[in-house]
Structures are given as C-alpha cells and as structure tokens.
Amino acid sequence: MVLRSLYISICLIFISACTSASNEIKSGPPETPEVLGENLFIMNCAACHGDDGKLGASGAKDLTKSRLKDHEIMKILKEGKNSMPSMKANLETKKNMDLVIAHIKKLRH
C-alpha cells in the first residue's frame, strides 16, 4: 500500500513538472516549415524541454547542448528514451518529425 502511494506521488510530480512550460504557439505564416516545426515542438516537447530547449523537467535533456545526428533524434522521437515516451503517435508523420528535428537543431549553441 505504501509503495503504491509512493508510485502515485511520483507520477503526479512528473505530470506537474512536465506541464509547467508556457506552450505558447507562435504566430506567423503557418505554412512555413520553421513555424510548423516550432509549433510542433511547443505542443509536444516544450512541457519538459522548455520553449528554448533548456528546461530539463523530469530529467529532460538540455537540447541546446545536444549533438545527436538526425537519425539518432528520429529514433528517440519514435521509440522514446528513459522517461521520455515515444512521440510517434503525437507527431504522426515523418515530415512532422523532420520539422521538429530541424527546430531542435536551431536551438543548439
């Protein structure tokens, strides 16, 4: 019983930490790849990674320091890694994943 309560508490902390980002959708011509990629990132990734990629909620990596190659990021988006779930269902298409990857690369220093 105590273990179950602890598990529930940890889950609630994780959920609250991952929902604290601003998630403000950017305006601009929605058909541009840059705006689409940024909006997909904000809707699906910013809760844990932050709008600027630095948030690190629930152990999320600082994306500004990432040097992963495109295929490595694609694998993480499709399969998840550690506490990050798969984003395959959220992003739906390879094109959307490519847009998010392009945005992640723009966050790098």
Protein backbone atom coordinates (compact mmCIF):
# COMPACT_ATOMS: atom_id res chain seq x y z
CA MET A 1 0.00 0.00 0.00
CA VAL A 2 2.81 2.42 0.90
CA LEU A 3 4.65 1.55 -2.31
CA ARG A 4 1.51 2.25 -4.35
CA SER A 5 1.09 5.67 -2.66
CA LEU A 6 4.73 6.48 -3.37
CA TYR A 7 4.30 5.48 -7.02
CA ILE A 8 1.21 7.69 -7.37
CA SER A 9 3.04 10.62 -5.76
CA ILE A 10 5.98 10.27 -8.14
CA CYS A 11 3.64 10.14 -11.13
CA LEU A 12 1.84 13.30 -10.01
CA ILE A 13 5.15 15.14 -9.55
CA PHE A 14 6.26 14.06 -13.02
CA ILE A 15 2.99 15.21 -14.61
CA SER A 16 3.04 18.59 -12.86
CA ALA A 17 6.68 19.19 -13.80
CA CYS A 18 6.03 18.41 -17.43
CA THR A 19 3.04 20.72 -17.70
CA SER A 20 4.67 23.88 -16.37
CA ALA A 21 6.10 25.25 -19.64
CA SER A 22 4.38 28.14 -21.38
CA ASN A 23 3.42 26.19 -24.52
CA GLU A 24 2.58 29.42 -26.35
CA ILE A 25 2.00 28.68 -30.02
CA LYS A 26 3.98 31.01 -32.26
CA SER A 27 2.26 33.12 -34.89
CA GLY A 28 3.35 33.73 -38.41
CA PRO A 29 2.59 32.15 -41.74
CA PRO A 30 1.63 28.63 -40.57
CA GLU A 31 2.71 27.06 -43.83
CA THR A 32 6.39 27.83 -43.32
CA PRO A 33 8.46 24.85 -42.15
CA GLU A 34 10.10 26.96 -39.43
CA VAL A 35 6.77 27.92 -37.83
CA LEU A 36 5.33 24.42 -38.22
CA GLY A 37 8.41 22.83 -36.62
CA GLU A 38 8.46 25.32 -33.75
CA ASN A 39 4.73 24.87 -33.09
CA LEU A 40 5.03 21.07 -33.14
CA PHE A 41 7.94 21.35 -30.71
CA ILE A 42 5.99 23.66 -28.40
CA MET A 43 2.92 21.41 -28.43
CA ASN A 44 4.78 18.13 -27.91
CA CYS A 45 8.21 18.79 -26.39
CA ALA A 46 8.30 22.14 -24.57
CA ALA A 47 6.47 20.92 -21.47
CA CYS A 48 9.61 19.03 -20.44
CA HIS A 49 12.35 20.57 -22.62
CA GLY A 50 11.12 24.18 -22.43
CA ASP A 51 10.44 26.55 -25.33
CA ASP A 52 14.19 27.21 -25.57
CA GLY A 53 15.22 23.55 -25.06
CA LYS A 54 16.83 24.21 -21.66
CA LEU A 55 14.05 23.43 -19.14
CA GLY A 56 15.13 19.90 -18.17
CA ALA A 57 11.89 18.98 -16.37
CA SER A 58 11.77 15.37 -15.14
CA GLY A 59 15.29 14.69 -16.39
CA ALA A 60 14.72 16.01 -19.93
CA LYS A 61 17.97 16.75 -21.73
CA ASP A 62 19.14 20.29 -22.47
CA LEU A 63 18.64 20.30 -26.24
CA THR A 64 20.90 23.31 -26.74
CA LYS A 65 23.83 21.05 -25.84
CA SER A 66 22.73 18.06 -27.90
CA ARG A 67 24.96 16.95 -30.73
CA LEU A 68 22.87 13.97 -31.80
CA LYS A 69 22.58 13.31 -35.50
CA ASP A 70 19.20 13.45 -37.24
CA HIS A 71 18.76 9.67 -37.31
CA GLU A 72 19.53 9.47 -33.57
CA ILE A 73 16.92 12.12 -32.76
CA MET A 74 14.43 10.34 -35.05
CA LYS A 75 14.97 7.09 -33.14
CA ILE A 76 14.28 8.85 -29.81
CA LEU A 77 11.16 10.52 -31.21
CA LYS A 78 9.88 7.16 -32.47
CA GLU A 79 10.86 4.97 -29.51
CA GLY A 80 11.30 7.32 -26.56
CA LYS A 81 14.24 7.15 -24.17
CA ASN A 82 14.43 6.86 -20.38
CA SER A 83 11.41 8.77 -19.01
CA MET A 84 10.57 10.33 -22.40
CA PRO A 85 7.73 8.47 -24.11
CA SER A 86 7.54 7.84 -27.84
CA MET A 87 6.30 10.87 -29.77
CA LYS A 88 5.36 8.78 -32.81
CA ALA A 89 1.61 8.97 -32.18
CA ASN A 90 1.74 12.68 -31.33
CA LEU A 91 3.80 13.74 -34.35
CA GLU A 92 2.08 11.23 -36.67
CA THR A 93 4.28 11.59 -39.77
CA LYS A 94 7.94 11.52 -40.72
CA LYS A 95 7.51 15.01 -42.15
CA ASN A 96 6.38 16.33 -38.75
CA MET A 97 9.28 14.55 -37.06
CA ASP A 98 11.69 16.11 -39.58
CA LEU A 99 10.23 19.56 -38.81
CA VAL A 100 10.76 19.00 -35.08
CA ILE A 101 14.32 17.78 -35.70
CA ALA A 102 15.07 20.91 -37.73
CA HIS A 103 13.74 23.06 -34.88
CA ILE A 104 15.79 21.17 -32.27
CA LYS A 105 18.92 21.79 -34.34
CA LYS A 106 18.12 25.53 -34.41
CA LEU A 107 18.14 25.54 -30.58
CA ARG A 108 21.77 24.40 -30.45
CA HIS A 109 24.52 26.79 -29.47
